């Protein structure tokens, strides 16, 4: 049985919802369907946040990974 190319896969986790949504906006701007899976995880502390996942389709994963690397490099250039 072959895998479904539209199957959702986690591209990355962020510590904040805002960071995840910035990446999602960038991915969607360049034509990659992406969404936020909600906050996951648990720290065990009631006032501490979990993490936010960025999810893409399996077929878009490699392109999304390259785009994410470019996005991170642009936001955090070396030496800055």
Foldseek 3Di string as FASTA:
>chain_A
DDDDQQDKDWLDKALDPVVLVVLCVQCVVVPFHKDKPDFDDDPPDPPGGGIITIIGGNNCNVVSNVSVVVVVCVVDPPPD
